[in-house]
Amino acid sequence: MDNARHQFETSGSSSSSRGGGGSYGRIKCSCGRDAVVRSVKNGPNVGLKFHGCPLWPDTGCGFFKWIGVRDEVDDLRFQLFEKETTIAELEMHKQMLEDKVKRVQLKKENLEEDVQELKGEVSQMRIELMKSARNERNFSLALVLSWVLFGIVIMAFK
């Protein structure tokens, strides 16, 4: 920014001045007087307005401030602030996603444990089902044999 200001200051341009601050507000120069608004009349900055000391060039005050020219340092600070804000937001979002991943992984592990337990229960139920089927077959056979034996006993007593 100093280079830009230096370029503007040393361009050899002439200027005209207007008393008071007008719509630009009251600005004091380095020697304490109300700065005047001047316009560059020639050179590369023709038409640009700036605040200057009302006693210039007869005094060594040297006060100079461009009107409407954005301060590069402020621009860079604002850009830096925006970038830092974006980084902070992204870091928060990243942390939220990492937390969510941890929760989902924990839930997955719990579900995997539940699945293993259910597989064990299914295996136990199959074993019990096979035992029940075998017992049912044995009981059916015992029932048939008991009726046959009953029939034989009844025939023997006749």
N, C-alpha and C. Protein backbone atom coordinates (compact mmCIF):
# COMPACT_ATOMS: atom_id res chain seq x y z
N MET A 1 0.82 -1.18 0.00
CA MET A 1 0.00 0.00 0.00
C MET A 1 0.86 1.24 0.00
N ASP A 2 1.99 1.21 0.73
CA ASP A 2 2.88 2.37 0.76
C ASP A 2 3.39 2.68 -0.63
N ASN A 3 3.64 1.64 -1.42
CA ASN A 3 4.08 1.87 -2.79
C ASN A 3 3.01 2.59 -3.58
N ALA A 4 1.75 2.16 -3.42
CA ALA A 4 0.66 2.80 -4.15
C ALA A 4 0.50 4.24 -3.70
N ARG A 5 0.56 4.48 -2.40
CA ARG A 5 0.42 5.84 -1.89
C ARG A 5 1.60 6.67 -2.39
N HIS A 6 2.80 6.09 -2.35
CA HIS A 6 3.99 6.80 -2.79
C HIS A 6 3.84 7.14 -4.27
N GLN A 7 3.30 6.20 -5.05
CA GLN A 7 3.10 6.43 -6.47
C GLN A 7 2.13 7.59 -6.68
N PHE A 8 1.05 7.62 -5.89
CA PHE A 8 0.09 8.70 -6.02
C PHE A 8 0.71 10.03 -5.59
N GLU A 9 1.48 10.01 -4.52
CA GLU A 9 2.03 11.25 -3.98
C GLU A 9 3.10 11.83 -4.88
N THR A 10 3.86 10.97 -5.56
CA THR A 10 5.00 11.46 -6.31
C THR A 10 4.74 11.50 -7.81
N SER A 11 3.48 11.48 -8.19
CA SER A 11 3.16 11.43 -9.61
C SER A 11 3.31 12.79 -10.29
N GLY A 12 3.55 13.82 -9.54
CA GLY A 12 3.72 15.13 -10.13
C GLY A 12 2.42 15.75 -10.58
N SER A 13 1.31 15.30 -10.04
CA SER A 13 0.01 15.82 -10.42
C SER A 13 -0.25 17.13 -9.72
N SER A 14 -1.04 17.99 -10.36
CA SER A 14 -1.49 19.20 -9.68
C SER A 14 -2.88 18.95 -9.14
N SER A 15 -3.34 19.83 -8.24
CA SER A 15 -4.65 19.62 -7.65
C SER A 15 -5.31 20.94 -7.36
N SER A 16 -6.61 20.87 -7.16
CA SER A 16 -7.36 22.04 -6.72
C SER A 16 -8.00 21.68 -5.40
N SER A 17 -8.36 22.67 -4.59
CA SER A 17 -8.93 22.37 -3.29
C SER A 17 -10.26 23.04 -3.11
N ARG A 18 -11.01 22.50 -2.15
CA ARG A 18 -12.31 23.02 -1.80
C ARG A 18 -12.32 23.08 -0.28
N GLY A 19 -12.79 24.14 0.30
CA GLY A 19 -12.79 24.29 1.75
C GLY A 19 -13.77 23.35 2.42
N GLY A 20 -13.49 23.05 3.71
CA GLY A 20 -14.40 22.22 4.50
C GLY A 20 -14.36 20.78 4.06
N GLY A 21 -15.13 19.97 4.75
CA GLY A 21 -15.14 18.55 4.43
C GLY A 21 -16.26 18.18 3.50
N GLY A 22 -17.26 19.03 3.32
CA GLY A 22 -18.39 18.71 2.47
C GLY A 22 -19.05 17.42 2.90
N SER A 23 -19.44 16.61 1.92
CA SER A 23 -20.11 15.35 2.22
C SER A 23 -19.14 14.30 2.73
N TYR A 24 -17.86 14.61 2.77
CA TYR A 24 -16.86 13.65 3.20
C TYR A 24 -16.64 13.69 4.71
N GLY A 25 -17.24 14.63 5.41
CA GLY A 25 -17.10 14.73 6.85
C GLY A 25 -15.86 15.53 7.23
N ARG A 26 -15.76 15.88 8.50
CA ARG A 26 -14.63 16.68 8.98
C ARG A 26 -13.45 15.78 9.29
N ILE A 27 -12.35 16.05 8.62
CA ILE A 27 -11.10 15.33 8.88
C ILE A 27 -10.06 16.37 9.20
N LYS A 28 -9.28 16.10 10.23
CA LYS A 28 -8.23 17.03 10.65
C LYS A 28 -6.91 16.59 10.03
N CYS A 29 -6.13 17.57 9.60
CA CYS A 29 -4.81 17.25 9.07
C CYS A 29 -3.82 17.14 10.23
N SER A 30 -2.58 16.85 9.92
CA SER A 30 -1.57 16.62 10.95
C SER A 30 -1.28 17.86 11.78
N CYS A 31 -1.51 19.05 11.22
CA CYS A 31 -1.26 20.28 11.98
C CYS A 31 -2.51 20.75 12.73
N GLY A 32 -3.60 19.96 12.71
CA GLY A 32 -4.78 20.26 13.52
C GLY A 32 -5.86 21.05 12.82
N ARG A 33 -5.65 21.45 11.60
CA ARG A 33 -6.66 22.22 10.87
C ARG A 33 -7.62 21.26 10.15
N ASP A 34 -8.81 21.81 9.79
CA ASP A 34 -9.74 21.01 8.99
C ASP A 34 -9.12 20.78 7.62
N ALA A 35 -9.03 19.51 7.24
CA ALA A 35 -8.46 19.18 5.94
C ALA A 35 -9.43 19.61 4.85
N VAL A 36 -8.87 19.93 3.69
CA VAL A 36 -9.69 20.31 2.54
C VAL A 36 -9.71 19.15 1.55
N VAL A 37 -10.78 19.12 0.75
CA VAL A 37 -10.90 18.10 -0.29
C VAL A 37 -10.31 18.68 -1.56
N ARG A 38 -9.42 17.91 -2.16
CA ARG A 38 -8.79 18.35 -3.40
C ARG A 38 -9.01 17.29 -4.47
N SER A 39 -8.92 17.75 -5.71
CA SER A 39 -9.04 16.83 -6.85
C SER A 39 -7.76 16.91 -7.65
N VAL A 40 -7.32 15.77 -8.12
CA VAL A 40 -6.14 15.72 -8.98
C VAL A 40 -6.56 16.25 -10.34
N LYS A 41 -5.78 17.24 -10.86
CA LYS A 41 -6.15 17.89 -12.12
C LYS A 41 -5.42 17.30 -13.32
N ASN A 42 -4.24 16.72 -13.12
CA ASN A 42 -3.55 16.10 -14.25
C ASN A 42 -2.69 14.94 -13.74
N GLY A 43 -2.12 14.22 -14.66
CA GLY A 43 -1.32 13.06 -14.29
C GLY A 43 -2.17 11.79 -14.34
N PRO A 44 -1.61 10.68 -13.89
CA PRO A 44 -2.30 9.39 -14.00
C PRO A 44 -3.51 9.26 -13.08
N ASN A 45 -3.65 10.14 -12.11
CA ASN A 45 -4.75 10.03 -11.13
C ASN A 45 -5.79 11.13 -11.31
N VAL A 46 -5.96 11.63 -12.52
CA VAL A 46 -6.88 12.73 -12.78
C VAL A 46 -8.27 12.38 -12.27
N GLY A 47 -8.86 13.32 -11.53
CA GLY A 47 -10.22 13.15 -11.04
C GLY A 47 -10.32 12.52 -9.67
N LEU A 48 -9.26 11.89 -9.18
CA LEU A 48 -9.31 11.30 -7.84
C LEU A 48 -9.32 12.41 -6.80
N LYS A 49 -10.07 12.18 -5.74
CA LYS A 49 -10.20 13.17 -4.66
C LYS A 49 -9.38 12.71 -3.46
N PHE A 50 -8.87 13.70 -2.73
CA PHE A 50 -8.10 13.39 -1.53
C PHE A 50 -8.24 14.52 -0.53
N HIS A 51 -7.98 14.20 0.74
CA HIS A 51 -7.93 15.21 1.79
C HIS A 51 -6.49 15.68 1.91
N GLY A 52 -6.33 16.98 2.10
CA GLY A 52 -4.99 17.53 2.27
C GLY A 52 -5.02 18.71 3.22
N CYS A 53 -3.84 19.14 3.63
CA CYS A 53 -3.71 20.29 4.53
C CYS A 53 -4.13 21.55 3.78
N PRO A 54 -4.90 22.44 4.42
CA PRO A 54 -5.34 23.66 3.74
C PRO A 54 -4.17 24.62 3.45
N LEU A 55 -3.07 24.44 4.15
CA LEU A 55 -1.92 25.34 3.96
C LEU A 55 -0.91 24.78 2.96
N TRP A 56 -1.20 23.64 2.39
CA TRP A 56 -0.26 23.04 1.43
C TRP A 56 -0.16 23.91 0.21
N PRO A 57 0.91 24.09 -0.41
CA PRO A 57 2.26 23.56 -0.21
C PRO A 57 3.14 24.45 0.66
N ASP A 58 2.56 25.46 1.32
CA ASP A 58 3.35 26.41 2.09
C ASP A 58 3.78 25.87 3.45
N THR A 59 3.32 24.69 3.83
CA THR A 59 3.66 24.14 5.14
C THR A 59 4.24 22.74 4.96
N GLY A 60 4.91 22.28 5.97
CA GLY A 60 5.51 20.94 5.92
C GLY A 60 4.58 19.89 6.52
N CYS A 61 3.30 20.18 6.67
CA CYS A 61 2.35 19.25 7.28
C CYS A 61 2.34 17.92 6.55
N GLY A 62 2.22 17.94 5.25
CA GLY A 62 2.27 16.73 4.45
C GLY A 62 1.08 15.79 4.60
N PHE A 63 0.01 16.26 5.25
CA PHE A 63 -1.15 15.38 5.42
C PHE A 63 -1.75 15.06 4.05
N PHE A 64 -2.07 13.77 3.86
CA PHE A 64 -2.61 13.32 2.59
C PHE A 64 -3.41 12.05 2.83
N LYS A 65 -4.66 12.03 2.35
CA LYS A 65 -5.47 10.82 2.49
C LYS A 65 -6.41 10.75 1.30
N TRP A 66 -6.32 9.64 0.57
CA TRP A 66 -7.19 9.45 -0.58
C TRP A 66 -8.63 9.25 -0.13
N ILE A 67 -9.56 9.70 -0.95
CA ILE A 67 -10.99 9.50 -0.70
C ILE A 67 -11.47 8.44 -1.68
N GLY A 68 -12.11 7.41 -1.15
CA GLY A 68 -12.69 6.38 -2.01
C GLY A 68 -11.70 5.32 -2.45
N VAL A 69 -10.43 5.47 -2.14
CA VAL A 69 -9.46 4.44 -2.47
C VAL A 69 -9.36 3.53 -1.27
N ARG A 70 -9.65 2.30 -1.48
CA ARG A 70 -9.66 1.35 -0.36
C ARG A 70 -8.24 1.09 0.11
N ASP A 71 -8.13 0.98 1.36
CA ASP A 71 -6.83 0.71 1.97
C ASP A 71 -6.48 -0.76 1.74
N GLU A 72 -5.36 -1.01 1.07
CA GLU A 72 -4.97 -2.38 0.73
C GLU A 72 -4.76 -3.24 1.97
N VAL A 73 -4.21 -2.64 3.02
CA VAL A 73 -3.99 -3.40 4.25
C VAL A 73 -5.33 -3.84 4.83
N ASP A 74 -6.31 -2.94 4.84
CA ASP A 74 -7.64 -3.31 5.33
C ASP A 74 -8.25 -4.41 4.46
N ASP A 75 -8.07 -4.29 3.15
CA ASP A 75 -8.57 -5.35 2.25
C ASP A 75 -7.92 -6.68 2.59
N LEU A 76 -6.61 -6.67 2.76
CA LEU A 76 -5.90 -7.91 3.07
C LEU A 76 -6.32 -8.46 4.43
N ARG A 77 -6.51 -7.55 5.40
CA ARG A 77 -6.97 -7.99 6.72
C ARG A 77 -8.35 -8.63 6.62
N PHE A 78 -9.22 -8.00 5.84
CA PHE A 78 -10.57 -8.54 5.67
C PHE A 78 -10.52 -9.90 4.98
N GLN A 79 -9.69 -10.00 3.93
CA GLN A 79 -9.55 -11.29 3.24
C GLN A 79 -9.01 -12.34 4.19
N LEU A 80 -8.01 -11.96 5.00
CA LEU A 80 -7.45 -12.89 5.99
C LEU A 80 -8.53 -13.31 6.98
N PHE A 81 -9.31 -12.34 7.46
CA PHE A 81 -10.41 -12.64 8.39
C PHE A 81 -11.40 -13.62 7.75
N GLU A 82 -11.77 -13.36 6.48
CA GLU A 82 -12.69 -14.27 5.80
C GLU A 82 -12.10 -15.66 5.68
N LYS A 83 -10.82 -15.75 5.33
CA LYS A 83 -10.16 -17.06 5.20
C LYS A 83 -10.10 -17.76 6.55
N GLU A 84 -9.74 -17.03 7.60
CA GLU A 84 -9.67 -17.63 8.93
C GLU A 84 -11.05 -18.10 9.38
N THR A 85 -12.08 -17.31 9.07
CA THR A 85 -13.45 -17.70 9.41
C THR A 85 -13.84 -18.97 8.65
N THR A 86 -13.51 -19.00 7.37
CA THR A 86 -13.81 -20.19 6.57
C THR A 86 -13.08 -21.40 7.12
N ILE A 87 -11.81 -21.23 7.47
CA ILE A 87 -11.02 -22.33 8.04
C ILE A 87 -11.65 -22.81 9.34
N ALA A 88 -12.03 -21.86 10.21
CA ALA A 88 -12.65 -22.24 11.49
C ALA A 88 -13.96 -23.00 11.25
N GLU A 89 -14.77 -22.51 10.31
CA GLU A 89 -16.03 -23.20 10.00
C GLU A 89 -15.76 -24.61 9.46
N LEU A 90 -14.76 -24.73 8.58
CA LEU A 90 -14.43 -26.04 8.02
C LEU A 90 -13.89 -26.97 9.10
N GLU A 91 -13.08 -26.42 10.03
CA GLU A 91 -12.56 -27.25 11.12
C GLU A 91 -13.70 -27.73 12.01
N MET A 92 -14.67 -26.84 12.29
CA MET A 92 -15.82 -27.25 13.09
C MET A 92 -16.62 -28.33 12.36
N HIS A 93 -16.81 -28.14 11.06
CA HIS A 93 -17.54 -29.13 10.26
C HIS A 93 -16.79 -30.45 10.25
N LYS A 94 -15.47 -30.38 10.10
CA LYS A 94 -14.64 -31.59 10.12
C LYS A 94 -14.78 -32.31 11.45
N GLN A 95 -14.72 -31.54 12.55
CA GLN A 95 -14.84 -32.14 13.88
C GLN A 95 -16.21 -32.79 14.06
N MET A 96 -17.27 -32.11 13.58
CA MET A 96 -18.61 -32.69 13.66
C MET A 96 -18.68 -33.99 12.88
N LEU A 97 -18.08 -34.01 11.69
CA LEU A 97 -18.09 -35.22 10.87
C LEU A 97 -17.28 -36.33 11.53
N GLU A 98 -16.13 -35.98 12.14
CA GLU A 98 -15.34 -36.99 12.84
C GLU A 98 -16.12 -37.58 14.00
N ASP A 99 -16.81 -36.71 14.75
CA ASP A 99 -17.65 -37.19 15.86
C ASP A 99 -18.75 -38.11 15.34
N LYS A 100 -19.36 -37.72 14.23
CA LYS A 100 -20.43 -38.53 13.65
C LYS A 100 -19.88 -39.88 13.20
N VAL A 101 -18.68 -39.88 12.60
CA VAL A 101 -18.06 -41.14 12.17
C VAL A 101 -17.81 -42.04 13.38
N LYS A 102 -17.33 -41.44 14.48
CA LYS A 102 -17.09 -42.23 15.70
C LYS A 102 -18.38 -42.84 16.22
N ARG A 103 -19.46 -42.03 16.24
CA ARG A 103 -20.75 -42.55 16.70
C ARG A 103 -21.25 -43.67 15.80
N VAL A 104 -21.11 -43.50 14.49
CA VAL A 104 -21.58 -44.52 13.55
C VAL A 104 -20.74 -45.79 13.69
N GLN A 105 -19.42 -45.63 13.89
CA GLN A 105 -18.57 -46.81 14.07
C GLN A 105 -18.94 -47.55 15.35
N LEU A 106 -19.20 -46.81 16.42
CA LEU A 106 -19.61 -47.44 17.67
C LEU A 106 -20.94 -48.17 17.49
N LYS A 107 -21.87 -47.53 16.80
CA LYS A 107 -23.17 -48.16 16.54
C LYS A 107 -22.97 -49.41 15.69
N LYS A 108 -22.09 -49.34 14.69
CA LYS A 108 -21.80 -50.50 13.84
C LYS A 108 -21.24 -51.64 14.68
N GLU A 109 -20.28 -51.32 15.58
CA GLU A 109 -19.70 -52.36 16.43
C GLU A 109 -20.77 -53.00 17.32
N ASN A 110 -21.65 -52.16 17.88
CA ASN A 110 -22.74 -52.69 18.71
C ASN A 110 -23.67 -53.59 17.90
N LEU A 111 -23.98 -53.17 16.69
CA LEU A 111 -24.85 -53.98 15.83
C LEU A 111 -24.17 -55.29 15.44
N GLU A 112 -22.85 -55.23 15.20
CA GLU A 112 -22.12 -56.47 14.88
C GLU A 112 -22.17 -57.44 16.06
N GLU A 113 -22.02 -56.89 17.29
CA GLU A 113 -22.14 -57.74 18.48
C GLU A 113 -23.54 -58.35 18.57
N ASP A 114 -24.55 -57.53 18.31
CA ASP A 114 -25.93 -58.02 18.34
C ASP A 114 -26.13 -59.13 17.30
N VAL A 115 -25.56 -58.94 16.11
CA VAL A 115 -25.69 -59.95 15.06
C VAL A 115 -25.04 -61.26 15.51
N GLN A 116 -23.86 -61.17 16.14
CA GLN A 116 -23.18 -62.38 16.62
C GLN A 116 -24.03 -63.09 17.67
N GLU A 117 -24.62 -62.29 18.59
CA GLU A 117 -25.50 -62.88 19.61
C GLU A 117 -26.69 -63.56 18.96
N LEU A 118 -27.29 -62.90 17.98
CA LEU A 118 -28.45 -63.48 17.30
C LEU A 118 -28.07 -64.74 16.53
N LYS A 119 -26.88 -64.76 15.93
CA LYS A 119 -26.43 -65.98 15.25
C LYS A 119 -26.30 -67.13 16.24
N GLY A 120 -25.76 -66.82 17.43
CA GLY A 120 -25.66 -67.84 18.47
C GLY A 120 -27.02 -68.35 18.88
N GLU A 121 -27.97 -67.42 19.05
CA GLU A 121 -29.33 -67.82 19.42
C GLU A 121 -29.97 -68.67 18.32
N VAL A 122 -29.76 -68.30 17.07
CA VAL A 122 -30.31 -69.07 15.95
C VAL A 122 -29.72 -70.48 15.96
N SER A 123 -28.42 -70.59 16.20
CA SER A 123 -27.79 -71.92 16.26
C SER A 123 -28.39 -72.75 17.39
N GLN A 124 -28.59 -72.13 18.56
CA GLN A 124 -29.20 -72.84 19.68
C GLN A 124 -30.62 -73.28 19.34
N MET A 125 -31.37 -72.42 18.68
CA MET A 125 -32.74 -72.77 18.31
C MET A 125 -32.76 -73.92 17.30
N ARG A 126 -31.82 -73.94 16.37
CA ARG A 126 -31.75 -75.04 15.41
C ARG A 126 -31.46 -76.36 16.12
N ILE A 127 -30.53 -76.29 17.08
CA ILE A 127 -30.21 -77.50 17.85
C ILE A 127 -31.45 -77.98 18.60
N GLU A 128 -32.14 -77.03 19.27
CA GLU A 128 -33.36 -77.39 20.00
C GLU A 128 -34.43 -77.93 19.06
N LEU A 129 -34.54 -77.32 17.88
CA LEU A 129 -35.52 -77.79 16.89
C LEU A 129 -35.19 -79.21 16.44
N MET A 130 -33.91 -79.48 16.21
CA MET A 130 -33.52 -80.84 15.82
C MET A 130 -33.81 -81.83 16.94
N LYS A 131 -33.53 -81.43 18.19
CA LYS A 131 -33.83 -82.30 19.34
C LYS A 131 -35.33 -82.53 19.44
N SER A 132 -36.11 -81.45 19.26
CA SER A 132 -37.57 -81.57 19.34
C SER A 132 -38.08 -82.49 18.25
N ALA A 133 -37.54 -82.36 17.05
CA ALA A 133 -37.98 -83.22 15.94
C ALA A 133 -37.63 -84.67 16.25
N ARG A 134 -36.42 -84.90 16.77
CA ARG A 134 -36.03 -86.26 17.13
C ARG A 134 -36.93 -86.81 18.23
N ASN A 135 -37.20 -85.99 19.26
CA ASN A 135 -38.09 -86.41 20.35
C ASN A 135 -39.50 -86.69 19.82
N GLU A 136 -39.99 -85.84 18.93
CA GLU A 136 -41.32 -86.04 18.36
C GLU A 136 -41.38 -87.37 17.61
N ARG A 137 -40.34 -87.63 16.83
CA ARG A 137 -40.29 -88.89 16.09
C ARG A 137 -40.24 -90.08 17.06
N ASN A 138 -39.42 -89.93 18.11
CA ASN A 138 -39.33 -91.00 19.11
C ASN A 138 -40.68 -91.21 19.82
N PHE A 139 -41.34 -90.11 20.18
CA PHE A 139 -42.63 -90.22 20.85
C PHE A 139 -43.68 -90.82 19.91
N SER A 140 -43.65 -90.43 18.65
CA SER A 140 -44.59 -91.01 17.68
C SER A 140 -44.35 -92.51 17.56
N LEU A 141 -43.09 -92.90 17.48
CA LEU A 141 -42.75 -94.33 17.39
C LEU A 141 -43.20 -95.05 18.66
N ALA A 142 -42.96 -94.42 19.82
CA ALA A 142 -43.38 -95.04 21.10
C ALA A 142 -44.89 -95.17 21.15
N LEU A 143 -45.63 -94.16 20.64
CA LEU A 143 -47.08 -94.21 20.63
C LEU A 143 -47.56 -95.36 19.74
N VAL A 144 -46.97 -95.47 18.57
CA VAL A 144 -47.37 -96.54 17.64
C VAL A 144 -47.08 -97.90 18.28
N LEU A 145 -45.88 -98.02 18.85
CA LEU A 145 -45.51 -99.30 19.48
C LEU A 145 -46.42 -99.62 20.66
N SER A 146 -46.78 -98.58 21.44
CA SER A 146 -47.66 -98.83 22.59
C SER A 146 -49.04 -99.30 22.11
N TRP A 147 -49.57 -98.76 21.00
CA TRP A 147 -50.85 -99.20 20.46
C TRP A 147 -50.74 -100.63 19.91
N VAL A 148 -49.60 -100.89 19.31
CA VAL A 148 -49.41 -102.26 18.80
C VAL A 148 -49.37 -103.22 19.98
N LEU A 149 -48.61 -102.87 21.00
CA LEU A 149 -48.51 -103.71 22.19
C LEU A 149 -49.88 -103.84 22.86
N PHE A 150 -50.62 -102.72 22.92
CA PHE A 150 -51.96 -102.75 23.49
C PHE A 150 -52.86 -103.68 22.68
N GLY A 151 -52.71 -103.60 21.36
CA GLY A 151 -53.50 -104.48 20.50
C GLY A 151 -53.14 -105.95 20.73
N ILE A 152 -51.86 -106.21 20.91
CA ILE A 152 -51.42 -107.59 21.15
C ILE A 152 -51.94 -108.07 22.49
N VAL A 153 -51.87 -107.24 23.50
CA VAL A 153 -52.37 -107.62 24.83
C VAL A 153 -53.86 -107.87 24.76
N ILE A 154 -54.62 -107.05 24.09
CA ILE A 154 -56.06 -107.21 23.96
C ILE A 154 -56.34 -108.52 23.23
N MET A 155 -55.60 -108.84 22.20
CA MET A 155 -55.81 -110.07 21.43
C MET A 155 -55.46 -111.30 22.27
N ALA A 156 -54.47 -111.11 23.12
CA ALA A 156 -54.05 -112.25 23.94
C ALA A 156 -55.11 -112.55 25.00
N PHE A 157 -55.82 -111.63 25.47
CA PHE A 157 -56.85 -111.87 26.48
C PHE A 157 -58.16 -112.30 25.87
N LYS A 158 -58.37 -112.31 24.68
CA LYS A 158 -59.62 -112.71 24.06
C LYS A 158 -59.67 -114.14 23.89
